Amino acid sequence: MDLPPALLQFLGSLVAILALAGLAWWMKLGPQNTLSSEDEARFAAIEAIDGFSATEIALDQEGRGALLGDAQGRILLLRPHGTHFAGRVLTSEAKARIDGTTLVIDTAERRYGSARLAIADPQAWVKRIEAIG
């Protein structure tokens, strides 16, 4: 049986792709993590900002992020970054608005960008973000 070189190359590439996909699945790479509880949000906040102690938490309905407030009046925004969550303490330059039922937060940081969160009572968070600084 004599196979054409193009078919051999195709089959070799297919095997390599399937092997890499299997390796990624085995290493649990791929879909983003979600925040499914306040405890997970607190843990992610402490990983992002050492010593941040949340007194109030608003989780996104699909676990795509959270807003956390502390006793000092700071507000921390958590949003997905790869398989982890990145956090930023919002400054007076941050802007918030409601788009339908979603809270849209622009951190005013070009590298961090904005976030969309479906949370309970978004209007209260808009007021708190506008009152920063």
N, C-alpha and C. Protein backbone atom coordinates (compact mmCIF):
# COMPACT_ATOMS: atom_id res chain seq x y z
N MET A 1 0.84 -1.18 0.00
CA MET A 1 0.00 0.00 0.00
C MET A 1 0.89 1.24 0.00
N ASP A 2 0.74 2.04 -1.02
CA ASP A 2 1.57 3.23 -1.19
C ASP A 2 0.69 4.47 -1.02
N LEU A 3 0.89 5.21 0.11
CA LEU A 3 0.09 6.41 0.40
C LEU A 3 0.79 7.65 -0.14
N PRO A 4 0.02 8.57 -0.70
CA PRO A 4 0.63 9.82 -1.18
C PRO A 4 1.18 10.64 0.00
N PRO A 5 2.28 11.36 -0.23
CA PRO A 5 2.88 12.16 0.85
C PRO A 5 1.92 13.18 1.46
N ALA A 6 1.04 13.78 0.68
CA ALA A 6 0.10 14.76 1.21
C ALA A 6 -0.87 14.12 2.20
N LEU A 7 -1.30 12.89 1.92
CA LEU A 7 -2.20 12.18 2.84
C LEU A 7 -1.47 11.83 4.13
N LEU A 8 -0.22 11.41 4.03
CA LEU A 8 0.57 11.11 5.23
C LEU A 8 0.76 12.37 6.09
N GLN A 9 1.03 13.49 5.42
CA GLN A 9 1.19 14.74 6.16
C GLN A 9 -0.12 15.12 6.85
N PHE A 10 -1.23 14.98 6.15
CA PHE A 10 -2.54 15.28 6.73
C PHE A 10 -2.82 14.40 7.94
N LEU A 11 -2.60 13.10 7.81
CA LEU A 11 -2.86 12.17 8.93
C LEU A 11 -1.94 12.46 10.11
N GLY A 12 -0.68 12.79 9.84
CA GLY A 12 0.25 13.14 10.91
C GLY A 12 -0.19 14.40 11.64
N SER A 13 -0.65 15.40 10.89
CA SER A 13 -1.13 16.64 11.50
C SER A 13 -2.38 16.38 12.34
N LEU A 14 -3.28 15.55 11.82
CA LEU A 14 -4.51 15.23 12.56
C LEU A 14 -4.19 14.54 13.87
N VAL A 15 -3.27 13.60 13.86
CA VAL A 15 -2.87 12.90 15.09
C VAL A 15 -2.25 13.89 16.09
N ALA A 16 -1.42 14.79 15.60
CA ALA A 16 -0.79 15.78 16.48
C ALA A 16 -1.83 16.70 17.11
N ILE A 17 -2.79 17.16 16.32
CA ILE A 17 -3.85 18.04 16.83
C ILE A 17 -4.67 17.32 17.90
N LEU A 18 -5.04 16.09 17.63
CA LEU A 18 -5.82 15.32 18.61
C LEU A 18 -5.02 15.06 19.88
N ALA A 19 -3.72 14.83 19.75
CA ALA A 19 -2.87 14.62 20.93
C ALA A 19 -2.79 15.90 21.77
N LEU A 20 -2.64 17.06 21.12
CA LEU A 20 -2.59 18.33 21.86
C LEU A 20 -3.93 18.64 22.52
N ALA A 21 -5.03 18.36 21.83
CA ALA A 21 -6.36 18.57 22.42
C ALA A 21 -6.54 17.67 23.64
N GLY A 22 -6.11 16.42 23.54
CA GLY A 22 -6.19 15.50 24.68
C GLY A 22 -5.34 15.96 25.85
N LEU A 23 -4.15 16.47 25.56
CA LEU A 23 -3.28 16.98 26.61
C LEU A 23 -3.91 18.19 27.30
N ALA A 24 -4.48 19.11 26.53
CA ALA A 24 -5.15 20.29 27.10
C ALA A 24 -6.33 19.86 27.97
N TRP A 25 -7.10 18.88 27.52
CA TRP A 25 -8.23 18.38 28.31
C TRP A 25 -7.73 17.75 29.61
N TRP A 26 -6.67 16.96 29.54
CA TRP A 26 -6.12 16.28 30.71
C TRP A 26 -5.59 17.30 31.72
N MET A 27 -5.01 18.40 31.23
CA MET A 27 -4.46 19.43 32.12
C MET A 27 -5.53 20.42 32.59
N LYS A 28 -6.78 20.18 32.17
CA LYS A 28 -7.91 21.04 32.53
C LYS A 28 -7.71 22.48 32.07
N LEU A 29 -7.14 22.64 30.89
CA LEU A 29 -7.00 23.95 30.28
C LEU A 29 -8.26 24.21 29.47
N GLY A 30 -8.56 25.45 29.26
CA GLY A 30 -9.71 25.74 28.42
C GLY A 30 -10.67 26.72 29.04
N PRO A 31 -11.91 26.27 29.31
CA PRO A 31 -12.94 27.22 29.76
C PRO A 31 -12.53 27.97 31.02
N GLN A 32 -13.06 29.17 31.14
CA GLN A 32 -12.76 30.01 32.30
C GLN A 32 -13.43 29.46 33.55
N ASN A 33 -12.80 29.77 34.66
CA ASN A 33 -13.42 29.49 35.94
C ASN A 33 -14.57 30.46 36.17
N THR A 34 -15.47 30.10 37.04
CA THR A 34 -16.55 31.00 37.41
C THR A 34 -16.57 31.15 38.93
N LEU A 35 -17.14 32.24 39.38
CA LEU A 35 -17.34 32.46 40.80
C LEU A 35 -18.75 31.99 41.14
N SER A 36 -18.84 30.90 41.88
CA SER A 36 -20.16 30.35 42.17
C SER A 36 -20.62 30.63 43.60
N SER A 37 -19.77 31.25 44.41
CA SER A 37 -20.16 31.55 45.78
C SER A 37 -19.41 32.79 46.28
N GLU A 38 -19.92 33.34 47.36
CA GLU A 38 -19.25 34.49 47.97
C GLU A 38 -17.88 34.11 48.50
N ASP A 39 -17.74 32.88 48.99
CA ASP A 39 -16.44 32.42 49.48
C ASP A 39 -15.40 32.41 48.36
N GLU A 40 -15.80 31.95 47.17
CA GLU A 40 -14.88 31.96 46.03
C GLU A 40 -14.51 33.39 45.65
N ALA A 41 -15.47 34.30 45.71
CA ALA A 41 -15.19 35.71 45.40
C ALA A 41 -14.23 36.29 46.43
N ARG A 42 -14.43 35.97 47.70
CA ARG A 42 -13.52 36.47 48.75
C ARG A 42 -12.10 35.96 48.51
N PHE A 43 -11.98 34.67 48.18
CA PHE A 43 -10.67 34.08 47.92
C PHE A 43 -10.00 34.76 46.72
N ALA A 44 -10.76 34.96 45.64
CA ALA A 44 -10.21 35.63 44.45
C ALA A 44 -9.80 37.06 44.77
N ALA A 45 -10.56 37.73 45.62
CA ALA A 45 -10.23 39.11 46.01
C ALA A 45 -8.92 39.16 46.79
N ILE A 46 -8.74 38.22 47.70
CA ILE A 46 -7.50 38.18 48.49
C ILE A 46 -6.31 37.86 47.59
N GLU A 47 -6.52 36.99 46.57
CA GLU A 47 -5.44 36.71 45.63
C GLU A 47 -5.08 37.96 44.81
N ALA A 48 -6.09 38.75 44.46
CA ALA A 48 -5.86 39.95 43.64
C ALA A 48 -5.26 41.09 44.44
N ILE A 49 -5.82 41.36 45.61
CA ILE A 49 -5.37 42.47 46.47
C ILE A 49 -5.13 41.90 47.86
N ASP A 50 -3.89 41.79 48.24
CA ASP A 50 -3.54 41.21 49.53
C ASP A 50 -4.20 41.98 50.67
N GLY A 51 -4.91 41.27 51.52
CA GLY A 51 -5.53 41.89 52.68
C GLY A 51 -6.90 42.50 52.44
N PHE A 52 -7.45 42.37 51.23
CA PHE A 52 -8.77 42.93 50.95
C PHE A 52 -9.81 42.08 51.68
N SER A 53 -10.56 42.71 52.57
CA SER A 53 -11.56 42.01 53.37
C SER A 53 -12.94 42.52 53.00
N ALA A 54 -13.64 41.76 52.19
CA ALA A 54 -14.94 42.18 51.67
C ALA A 54 -16.02 42.14 52.74
N THR A 55 -16.81 43.21 52.79
CA THR A 55 -17.97 43.25 53.68
C THR A 55 -19.26 43.16 52.89
N GLU A 56 -19.17 43.39 51.59
CA GLU A 56 -20.34 43.34 50.72
C GLU A 56 -19.91 42.77 49.37
N ILE A 57 -20.71 41.84 48.83
CA ILE A 57 -20.36 41.17 47.58
C ILE A 57 -21.56 41.12 46.67
N ALA A 58 -21.33 41.45 45.40
CA ALA A 58 -22.35 41.30 44.36
C ALA A 58 -21.77 40.41 43.28
N LEU A 59 -22.27 39.18 43.20
CA LEU A 59 -21.80 38.21 42.22
C LEU A 59 -22.58 38.33 40.92
N ASP A 60 -21.88 38.20 39.81
CA ASP A 60 -22.54 38.13 38.52
C ASP A 60 -23.38 36.85 38.48
N GLN A 61 -24.56 36.91 37.87
CA GLN A 61 -25.47 35.77 37.85
C GLN A 61 -24.86 34.54 37.18
N GLU A 62 -23.95 34.74 36.24
CA GLU A 62 -23.31 33.61 35.56
C GLU A 62 -21.90 33.35 36.06
N GLY A 63 -21.51 34.04 37.13
CA GLY A 63 -20.19 33.81 37.73
C GLY A 63 -19.03 34.43 36.97
N ARG A 64 -19.31 35.37 36.07
CA ARG A 64 -18.26 35.98 35.25
C ARG A 64 -17.49 37.08 35.96
N GLY A 65 -17.81 37.35 37.18
CA GLY A 65 -17.11 38.39 37.91
C GLY A 65 -17.87 38.78 39.16
N ALA A 66 -17.38 39.83 39.82
CA ALA A 66 -18.03 40.29 41.05
C ALA A 66 -17.55 41.69 41.40
N LEU A 67 -18.37 42.36 42.19
CA LEU A 67 -18.00 43.62 42.82
C LEU A 67 -17.96 43.36 44.32
N LEU A 68 -16.91 43.83 44.98
CA LEU A 68 -16.78 43.64 46.41
C LEU A 68 -16.46 44.97 47.07
N GLY A 69 -17.12 45.26 48.16
CA GLY A 69 -16.85 46.46 48.93
C GLY A 69 -16.21 46.09 50.26
N ASP A 70 -15.35 46.95 50.78
CA ASP A 70 -14.76 46.68 52.09
C ASP A 70 -15.13 47.79 53.07
N ALA A 71 -14.69 47.64 54.30
CA ALA A 71 -15.05 48.58 55.36
C ALA A 71 -14.44 49.96 55.15
N GLN A 72 -13.40 50.06 54.33
CA GLN A 72 -12.75 51.35 54.05
C GLN A 72 -13.43 52.10 52.91
N GLY A 73 -14.47 51.52 52.34
CA GLY A 73 -15.18 52.16 51.24
C GLY A 73 -14.62 51.88 49.86
N ARG A 74 -13.61 51.02 49.79
CA ARG A 74 -13.05 50.66 48.49
C ARG A 74 -13.97 49.67 47.78
N ILE A 75 -13.96 49.70 46.46
CA ILE A 75 -14.72 48.76 45.66
C ILE A 75 -13.75 48.03 44.74
N LEU A 76 -13.79 46.71 44.80
CA LEU A 76 -12.92 45.87 43.99
C LEU A 76 -13.75 45.21 42.90
N LEU A 77 -13.28 45.32 41.68
CA LEU A 77 -13.92 44.65 40.55
C LEU A 77 -13.10 43.42 40.19
N LEU A 78 -13.75 42.27 40.16
CA LEU A 78 -13.12 41.03 39.71
C LEU A 78 -13.68 40.67 38.35
N ARG A 79 -12.80 40.35 37.42
CA ARG A 79 -13.23 39.90 36.10
C ARG A 79 -12.31 38.80 35.61
N PRO A 80 -12.78 37.95 34.72
CA PRO A 80 -11.95 36.84 34.25
C PRO A 80 -10.70 37.32 33.53
N HIS A 81 -9.63 36.59 33.77
CA HIS A 81 -8.37 36.82 33.06
C HIS A 81 -7.74 35.45 32.86
N GLY A 82 -7.96 34.87 31.70
CA GLY A 82 -7.49 33.50 31.47
C GLY A 82 -8.30 32.54 32.33
N THR A 83 -7.61 31.71 33.10
CA THR A 83 -8.29 30.76 33.96
C THR A 83 -8.41 31.27 35.40
N HIS A 84 -8.03 32.52 35.62
CA HIS A 84 -8.10 33.12 36.95
C HIS A 84 -8.95 34.39 36.89
N PHE A 85 -8.98 35.09 38.00
CA PHE A 85 -9.68 36.37 38.05
C PHE A 85 -8.68 37.47 38.39
N ALA A 86 -8.78 38.56 37.66
CA ALA A 86 -7.95 39.73 37.92
C ALA A 86 -8.82 40.74 38.66
N GLY A 87 -8.22 41.49 39.55
CA GLY A 87 -8.97 42.46 40.33
C GLY A 87 -8.37 43.84 40.28
N ARG A 88 -9.22 44.84 40.33
CA ARG A 88 -8.79 46.23 40.40
C ARG A 88 -9.64 46.95 41.41
N VAL A 89 -9.01 47.73 42.26
CA VAL A 89 -9.73 48.63 43.14
C VAL A 89 -10.09 49.84 42.28
N LEU A 90 -11.38 50.15 42.23
CA LEU A 90 -11.85 51.23 41.38
C LEU A 90 -11.42 52.58 41.94
N THR A 91 -11.07 53.48 41.03
CA THR A 91 -10.67 54.84 41.40
C THR A 91 -11.78 55.81 41.02
N SER A 92 -11.55 57.07 41.31
CA SER A 92 -12.54 58.09 40.98
C SER A 92 -12.73 58.24 39.47
N GLU A 93 -11.82 57.72 38.68
CA GLU A 93 -11.94 57.79 37.22
C GLU A 93 -12.86 56.71 36.65
N ALA A 94 -13.23 55.74 37.46
CA ALA A 94 -14.10 54.66 37.00
C ALA A 94 -15.50 55.20 36.74
N LYS A 95 -16.14 54.67 35.74
CA LYS A 95 -17.50 55.05 35.38
C LYS A 95 -18.37 53.80 35.35
N ALA A 96 -19.63 53.97 35.74
CA ALA A 96 -20.57 52.85 35.72
C ALA A 96 -21.89 53.31 35.13
N ARG A 97 -22.54 52.40 34.41
CA ARG A 97 -23.85 52.68 33.84
C ARG A 97 -24.62 51.37 33.75
N ILE A 98 -25.92 51.50 33.57
CA ILE A 98 -26.76 50.32 33.43
C ILE A 98 -27.19 50.21 31.98
N ASP A 99 -26.98 49.02 31.42
CA ASP A 99 -27.38 48.72 30.05
C ASP A 99 -28.39 47.59 30.10
N GLY A 100 -29.68 47.94 30.08
CA GLY A 100 -30.73 46.93 30.25
C GLY A 100 -30.74 46.48 31.69
N THR A 101 -30.35 45.23 31.93
CA THR A 101 -30.27 44.70 33.30
C THR A 101 -28.82 44.46 33.71
N THR A 102 -27.89 44.92 32.88
CA THR A 102 -26.47 44.67 33.11
C THR A 102 -25.75 45.93 33.57
N LEU A 103 -24.89 45.78 34.56
CA LEU A 103 -24.05 46.87 35.02
C LEU A 103 -22.77 46.87 34.19
N VAL A 104 -22.46 47.99 33.57
CA VAL A 104 -21.25 48.12 32.76
C VAL A 104 -20.30 49.04 33.51
N ILE A 105 -19.10 48.55 33.78
CA ILE A 105 -18.12 49.32 34.54
C ILE A 105 -16.89 49.54 33.66
N ASP A 106 -16.54 50.80 33.46
CA ASP A 106 -15.32 51.17 32.76
C ASP A 106 -14.32 51.62 33.81
N THR A 107 -13.24 50.88 33.95
CA THR A 107 -12.27 51.17 35.00
C THR A 107 -11.37 52.37 34.67
N ALA A 108 -11.41 52.83 33.43
CA ALA A 108 -10.54 53.91 32.95
C ALA A 108 -9.09 53.45 32.86
N GLU A 109 -8.84 52.17 32.97
CA GLU A 109 -7.51 51.61 32.77
C GLU A 109 -7.53 50.89 31.43
N ARG A 110 -6.72 51.36 30.52
CA ARG A 110 -6.71 50.79 29.18
C ARG A 110 -6.39 49.29 29.18
N ARG A 111 -5.48 48.86 30.02
CA ARG A 111 -5.08 47.46 30.04
C ARG A 111 -6.11 46.55 30.72
N TYR A 112 -6.87 47.09 31.64
CA TYR A 112 -7.87 46.28 32.35
C TYR A 112 -9.23 46.34 31.65
N GLY A 113 -9.55 47.47 31.10
CA GLY A 113 -10.77 47.60 30.31
C GLY A 113 -12.03 47.70 31.13
N SER A 114 -13.12 47.27 30.53
CA SER A 114 -14.42 47.36 31.19
C SER A 114 -14.97 45.97 31.45
N ALA A 115 -16.03 45.93 32.23
CA ALA A 115 -16.66 44.66 32.58
C ALA A 115 -18.16 44.83 32.56
N ARG A 116 -18.85 43.74 32.24
CA ARG A 116 -20.32 43.71 32.25
C ARG A 116 -20.74 42.65 33.26
N LEU A 117 -21.54 43.07 34.24
CA LEU A 117 -21.99 42.16 35.29
C LEU A 117 -23.50 42.23 35.43
N ALA A 118 -24.12 41.07 35.50
CA ALA A 118 -25.55 40.97 35.79
C ALA A 118 -25.67 40.70 37.28
N ILE A 119 -25.91 41.76 38.06
CA ILE A 119 -25.95 41.63 39.52
C ILE A 119 -27.27 42.15 40.05
N ALA A 120 -27.53 41.81 41.29
CA ALA A 120 -28.72 42.34 41.97
C ALA A 120 -28.47 43.79 42.33
N ASP A 121 -29.47 44.62 42.19
CA ASP A 121 -29.45 46.04 42.54
C ASP A 121 -28.27 46.79 41.90
N PRO A 122 -28.19 46.79 40.57
CA PRO A 122 -27.07 47.47 39.93
C PRO A 122 -27.07 48.98 40.17
N GLN A 123 -28.25 49.58 40.34
CA GLN A 123 -28.32 51.03 40.54
C GLN A 123 -27.58 51.46 41.82
N ALA A 124 -27.67 50.66 42.86
CA ALA A 124 -26.97 50.98 44.11
C ALA A 124 -25.45 50.98 43.90
N TRP A 125 -24.97 50.04 43.09
CA TRP A 125 -23.53 49.98 42.80
C TRP A 125 -23.10 51.15 41.92
N VAL A 126 -23.95 51.56 41.00
CA VAL A 126 -23.63 52.73 40.17
C VAL A 126 -23.41 53.94 41.08
N LYS A 127 -24.31 54.14 42.02
CA LYS A 127 -24.19 55.27 42.95
C LYS A 127 -22.91 55.18 43.77
N ARG A 128 -22.58 53.98 44.23
CA ARG A 128 -21.36 53.82 45.04
C ARG A 128 -20.11 54.10 44.20
N ILE A 129 -20.11 53.63 42.95
CA ILE A 129 -18.95 53.86 42.09
C ILE A 129 -18.81 55.34 41.75
N GLU A 130 -19.93 56.00 41.51
CA GLU A 130 -19.89 57.44 41.20
C GLU A 130 -19.43 58.26 42.41
N ALA A 131 -19.63 57.75 43.63
CA ALA A 131 -19.26 58.47 44.84
C ALA A 131 -17.79 58.28 45.24
N ILE A 132 -17.04 57.46 44.52
CA ILE A 132 -15.64 57.22 44.86
C ILE A 132 -14.84 58.50 44.65
N GLY A 133 -14.01 58.79 45.62
CA GLY A 133 -13.06 59.90 45.50
C GLY A 133 -13.67 61.23 45.75
